[in-house]
Amino acid sequence: MFLKNQMRDAIGYFVEVVNKPLTKAIVILAGRSHVFLKNQMRDAIGYFVEEVNKPLAKTIIMLAGRYPKPTKRNTVHPNTHRLLDIRDEFFKHWKLDGRDLLIKALFRILIVKYEHSPTWRNMLDWVIKEIPGDWKPFNPVRQMKCWRGE
């Protein structure tokens, strides 16, 4: 179980074994897709799905598996617990078919990074603070394909 002190000891592991390969993979794959504009994207969707999205998703899922599974028992920050609740609620309302592994991996990375890294915690807190009051809210009518409902 990862307690606060164990998380400090594991930071080096995360940086070397998880973060560096993930960052490298994202940079490589992002370089492949930087030329796509809106109209070109429509024409090249097959290439983008096969050559960019699939390898990126596979890499994220694989590397996220190296992170410990965050739970309320092995985390200490109140907002980490809120993120865990949001994750659980998210999967009650969304049916993602083949994409659920990727979304679970992204949640795992986000939550663990938030828990063990003050920098990531502060960055996410800042982003949330910056969301404007006139942000267009979620409309369940627009997402009926994946939306399970309230």
C-alpha atoms as a PDB file:
ATOM      1  CA  MET A   1       0.000   0.000   0.000  1.00  0.00           C
ATOM      2  CA  PHE A   2       1.351   3.387  -0.982  1.00  0.00           C
ATOM      3  CA  LEU A   3       1.329   5.646   2.039  1.00  0.00           C
ATOM      4  CA  LYS A   4       2.647   9.188   2.036  1.00  0.00           C
ATOM      5  CA  ASN A   5       6.301   8.224   2.711  1.00  0.00           C
ATOM      6  CA  GLN A   6       6.211   5.373   0.234  1.00  0.00           C
ATOM      7  CA  MET A   7       4.907   7.743  -2.426  1.00  0.00           C
ATOM      8  CA  ARG A   8       7.927  10.008  -1.864  1.00  0.00           C
ATOM      9  CA  ASP A   9      10.245   7.027  -2.302  1.00  0.00           C
ATOM     10  CA  ALA A  10       8.451   6.006  -5.490  1.00  0.00           C
ATOM     11  CA  ILE A  11       8.692   9.404  -7.225  1.00  0.00           C
ATOM     12  CA  GLY A  12      12.050   8.527  -8.799  1.00  0.00           C
ATOM     13  CA  TYR A  13      10.553   5.328 -10.159  1.00  0.00           C
ATOM     14  CA  PHE A  14       7.619   7.201 -11.672  1.00  0.00           C
ATOM     15  CA  VAL A  15       9.854   9.788 -13.297  1.00  0.00           C
ATOM     16  CA  GLU A  16      12.278   7.289 -14.833  1.00  0.00           C
ATOM     17  CA  VAL A  17      10.043   4.319 -15.657  1.00  0.00           C
ATOM     18  CA  VAL A  18       6.674   5.917 -16.352  1.00  0.00           C
ATOM     19  CA  ASN A  19       6.856   9.637 -17.099  1.00  0.00           C
ATOM     20  CA  LYS A  20       9.877   9.739 -19.408  1.00  0.00           C
ATOM     21  CA  PRO A  21       8.674   6.944 -21.752  1.00  0.00           C
ATOM     22  CA  LEU A  22       5.141   8.382 -21.789  1.00  0.00           C
ATOM     23  CA  THR A  23       6.407  11.874 -22.596  1.00  0.00           C
ATOM     24  CA  LYS A  24       8.669  10.508 -25.330  1.00  0.00           C
ATOM     25  CA  ALA A  25       5.801   8.528 -26.879  1.00  0.00           C
ATOM     26  CA  ILE A  26       3.483  11.540 -26.850  1.00  0.00           C
ATOM     27  CA  VAL A  27       6.117  13.794 -28.431  1.00  0.00           C
ATOM     28  CA  ILE A  28       6.842  11.242 -31.175  1.00  0.00           C
ATOM     29  CA  LEU A  29       3.172  10.644 -31.938  1.00  0.00           C
ATOM     30  CA  ALA A  30       2.269  14.326 -31.747  1.00  0.00           C
ATOM     31  CA  GLY A  31       4.930  15.014 -34.379  1.00  0.00           C
ATOM     32  CA  ARG A  32       3.143  12.647 -36.744  1.00  0.00           C
ATOM     33  CA  SER A  33      -0.149  14.497 -36.492  1.00  0.00           C
ATOM     34  CA  HIS A  34       0.834  18.164 -36.330  1.00  0.00           C
ATOM     35  CA  VAL A  35       0.046  18.821 -40.001  1.00  0.00           C
ATOM     36  CA  PHE A  36      -3.610  17.834 -39.816  1.00  0.00           C
ATOM     37  CA  LEU A  37      -6.005  20.718 -40.259  1.00  0.00           C
ATOM     38  CA  LYS A  38      -9.754  20.444 -39.940  1.00  0.00           C
ATOM     39  CA  ASN A  39     -10.478  19.573 -43.597  1.00  0.00           C
ATOM     40  CA  GLN A  40      -7.402  17.385 -43.976  1.00  0.00           C
ATOM     41  CA  MET A  41      -8.449  15.504 -40.870  1.00  0.00           C
ATOM     42  CA  ARG A  42     -11.694  14.436 -42.509  1.00  0.00           C
ATOM     43  CA  ASP A  43      -9.760  13.034 -45.469  1.00  0.00           C
ATOM     44  CA  ALA A  44      -7.079  11.365 -43.363  1.00  0.00           C
ATOM     45  CA  ILE A  45      -9.175   9.928 -40.528  1.00  0.00           C
ATOM     46  CA  GLY A  46      -8.106   6.362 -41.320  1.00  0.00           C
ATOM     47  CA  TYR A  47      -4.436   7.275 -41.095  1.00  0.00           C
ATOM     48  CA  PHE A  48      -4.983   9.238 -37.897  1.00  0.00           C
ATOM     49  CA  VAL A  49      -6.896   6.410 -36.198  1.00  0.00           C
ATOM     50  CA  GLU A  50      -4.460   3.656 -37.232  1.00  0.00           C
ATOM     51  CA  GLU A  51      -1.113   5.449 -37.082  1.00  0.00           C
ATOM     52  CA  VAL A  52      -1.639   7.988 -34.297  1.00  0.00           C
ATOM     53  CA  ASN A  53      -4.569   7.205 -32.006  1.00  0.00           C
ATOM     54  CA  LYS A  54      -4.114   3.440 -31.657  1.00  0.00           C
ATOM     55  CA  PRO A  55      -0.377   3.542 -30.822  1.00  0.00           C
ATOM     56  CA  LEU A  56      -0.910   6.473 -28.450  1.00  0.00           C
ATOM     57  CA  ALA A  57      -3.796   4.721 -26.661  1.00  0.00           C
ATOM     58  CA  LYS A  58      -1.826   1.480 -26.413  1.00  0.00           C
ATOM     59  CA  THR A  59       1.184   3.318 -24.956  1.00  0.00           C
ATOM     60  CA  ILE A  60      -0.909   5.237 -22.429  1.00  0.00           C
ATOM     61  CA  ILE A  61      -2.716   2.070 -21.280  1.00  0.00           C
ATOM     62  CA  MET A  62       0.542   0.147 -20.944  1.00  0.00           C
ATOM     63  CA  LEU A  63       2.345   2.867 -19.001  1.00  0.00           C
ATOM     64  CA  ALA A  64      -0.646   3.661 -16.791  1.00  0.00           C
ATOM     65  CA  GLY A  65      -0.526   0.057 -15.623  1.00  0.00           C
ATOM     66  CA  ARG A  66       2.809   0.847 -13.976  1.00  0.00           C
ATOM     67  CA  TYR A  67       1.155   3.360 -11.685  1.00  0.00           C
ATOM     68  CA  PRO A  68      -0.344   2.068  -8.440  1.00  0.00           C
ATOM     69  CA  LYS A  69      -4.124   1.848  -8.386  1.00  0.00           C
ATOM     70  CA  PRO A  70      -5.296   4.932  -6.477  1.00  0.00           C
ATOM     71  CA  THR A  71      -7.896   4.394  -3.766  1.00  0.00           C
ATOM     72  CA  LYS A  72      -9.123   6.443  -0.843  1.00  0.00           C
ATOM     73  CA  ARG A  73      -7.130   4.152   1.447  1.00  0.00           C
ATOM     74  CA  ASN A  74      -3.776   4.831  -0.201  1.00  0.00           C
ATOM     75  CA  THR A  75      -4.207   8.561  -0.932  1.00  0.00           C
ATOM     76  CA  VAL A  76      -4.325  11.512   1.454  1.00  0.00           C
ATOM     77  CA  HIS A  77      -5.322  14.674  -0.420  1.00  0.00           C
ATOM     78  CA  PRO A  78      -9.014  15.641  -0.231  1.00  0.00           C
ATOM     79  CA  ASN A  79      -9.116  16.642  -3.910  1.00  0.00           C
ATOM     80  CA  THR A  80      -7.616  13.273  -4.856  1.00  0.00           C
ATOM     81  CA  HIS A  81     -10.594  11.697  -3.112  1.00  0.00           C
ATOM     82  CA  ARG A  82     -12.873  14.001  -5.078  1.00  0.00           C
ATOM     83  CA  LEU A  83     -11.195  12.920  -8.317  1.00  0.00           C
ATOM     84  CA  LEU A  84     -11.743   9.273  -7.340  1.00  0.00           C
ATOM     85  CA  ASP A  85     -15.441  10.012  -6.780  1.00  0.00           C
ATOM     86  CA  ILE A  86     -15.657  11.833 -10.124  1.00  0.00           C
ATOM     87  CA  ARG A  87     -14.006   8.871 -11.870  1.00  0.00           C
ATOM     88  CA  ASP A  88     -16.452   6.415 -10.319  1.00  0.00           C
ATOM     89  CA  GLU A  89     -19.438   8.601 -11.176  1.00  0.00           C
ATOM     90  CA  PHE A  90     -18.134   9.070 -14.722  1.00  0.00           C
ATOM     91  CA  PHE A  91     -18.215   5.331 -15.434  1.00  0.00           C
ATOM     92  CA  LYS A  92     -21.760   5.056 -14.103  1.00  0.00           C
ATOM     93  CA  HIS A  93     -22.954   7.492 -16.791  1.00  0.00           C
ATOM     94  CA  TRP A  94     -20.801   6.719 -19.817  1.00  0.00           C
ATOM     95  CA  LYS A  95     -20.706   3.565 -21.942  1.00  0.00           C
ATOM     96  CA  LEU A  96     -17.474   3.790 -23.897  1.00  0.00           C
ATOM     97  CA  ASP A  97     -17.340   0.397 -25.609  1.00  0.00           C
ATOM     98  CA  GLY A  98     -13.706  -0.079 -26.689  1.00  0.00           C
ATOM     99  CA  ARG A  99     -12.431   3.170 -25.207  1.00  0.00           C
ATOM    100  CA  ASP A 100     -13.008   2.379 -21.524  1.00  0.00           C
ATOM    101  CA  LEU A 101      -9.458   1.060 -20.975  1.00  0.00           C
ATOM    102  CA  LEU A 102      -7.956   4.289 -22.295  1.00  0.00           C
ATOM    103  CA  ILE A 103     -10.227   6.506 -20.194  1.00  0.00           C
ATOM    104  CA  LYS A 104      -9.505   4.416 -17.073  1.00  0.00           C
ATOM    105  CA  ALA A 105      -5.775   4.708 -17.797  1.00  0.00           C
ATOM    106  CA  LEU A 106      -6.033   8.489 -18.192  1.00  0.00           C
ATOM    107  CA  PHE A 107      -7.950   8.784 -14.914  1.00  0.00           C
ATOM    108  CA  ARG A 108      -5.322   6.622 -13.179  1.00  0.00           C
ATOM    109  CA  ILE A 109      -2.471   8.800 -14.446  1.00  0.00           C
ATOM    110  CA  LEU A 110      -4.257  12.029 -13.562  1.00  0.00           C
ATOM    111  CA  ILE A 111      -5.194  10.901 -10.054  1.00  0.00           C
ATOM    112  CA  VAL A 112      -1.774   9.470  -9.174  1.00  0.00           C
ATOM    113  CA  LYS A 113       0.040  12.515 -10.573  1.00  0.00           C
ATOM    114  CA  TYR A 114      -2.305  14.766  -8.607  1.00  0.00           C
ATOM    115  CA  GLU A 115      -1.672  12.801  -5.419  1.00  0.00           C
ATOM    116  CA  HIS A 116       2.111  12.623  -5.486  1.00  0.00           C
ATOM    117  CA  SER A 117       3.179  15.786  -7.322  1.00  0.00           C
ATOM    118  CA  PRO A 118       2.617  19.265  -5.880  1.00  0.00           C
ATOM    119  CA  THR A 119       3.384  20.755  -9.295  1.00  0.00           C
ATOM    120  CA  TRP A 120       0.722  18.680 -11.068  1.00  0.00           C
ATOM    121  CA  ARG A 121      -1.695  19.308  -8.208  1.00  0.00           C
ATOM    122  CA  ASN A 122      -1.184  23.070  -8.460  1.00  0.00           C
ATOM    123  CA  MET A 123      -1.458  23.045 -12.260  1.00  0.00           C
ATOM    124  CA  LEU A 124      -4.760  21.148 -12.241  1.00  0.00           C
ATOM    125  CA  ASP A 125      -6.120  23.307  -9.427  1.00  0.00           C
ATOM    126  CA  TRP A 126      -5.202  26.394 -11.472  1.00  0.00           C
ATOM    127  CA  VAL A 127      -6.863  25.040 -14.634  1.00  0.00           C
ATOM    128  CA  ILE A 128     -10.060  24.311 -12.699  1.00  0.00           C
ATOM    129  CA  LYS A 129      -9.970  27.810 -11.175  1.00  0.00           C
ATOM    130  CA  GLU A 130      -9.654  29.322 -14.667  1.00  0.00           C
ATOM    131  CA  ILE A 131     -12.769  27.653 -16.098  1.00  0.00           C
ATOM    132  CA  PRO A 132     -14.996  30.624 -16.889  1.00  0.00           C
ATOM    133  CA  GLY A 133     -18.508  30.967 -15.517  1.00  0.00           C
ATOM    134  CA  ASP A 134     -19.867  31.040 -19.060  1.00  0.00           C
ATOM    135  CA  TRP A 135     -18.348  27.626 -19.912  1.00  0.00           C
ATOM    136  CA  LYS A 136     -20.828  25.797 -22.118  1.00  0.00           C
ATOM    137  CA  PRO A 137     -22.254  23.071 -19.846  1.00  0.00           C
ATOM    138  CA  PHE A 138     -22.617  19.402 -20.675  1.00  0.00           C
ATOM    139  CA  ASN A 139     -25.738  18.641 -22.690  1.00  0.00           C
ATOM    140  CA  PRO A 140     -26.714  14.946 -22.482  1.00  0.00           C
ATOM    141  CA  VAL A 141     -28.832  15.246 -25.633  1.00  0.00           C
ATOM    142  CA  ARG A 142     -25.680  15.768 -27.740  1.00  0.00           C
ATOM    143  CA  GLN A 143     -23.961  12.600 -26.443  1.00  0.00           C
ATOM    144  CA  MET A 144     -26.689   9.989 -26.608  1.00  0.00           C
ATOM    145  CA  LYS A 145     -24.491   7.322 -28.236  1.00  0.00           C
ATOM    146  CA  CYS A 146     -22.187   6.925 -25.212  1.00  0.00           C
ATOM    147  CA  TRP A 147     -24.336   8.528 -22.526  1.00  0.00           C
ATOM    148  CA  ARG A 148     -26.109   6.113 -20.151  1.00  0.00           C
ATOM    149  CA  GLY A 149     -28.122   8.831 -18.490  1.00  0.00           C
ATOM    150  CA  GLU A 150     -28.488  10.158 -14.975  1.00  0.00           C
END
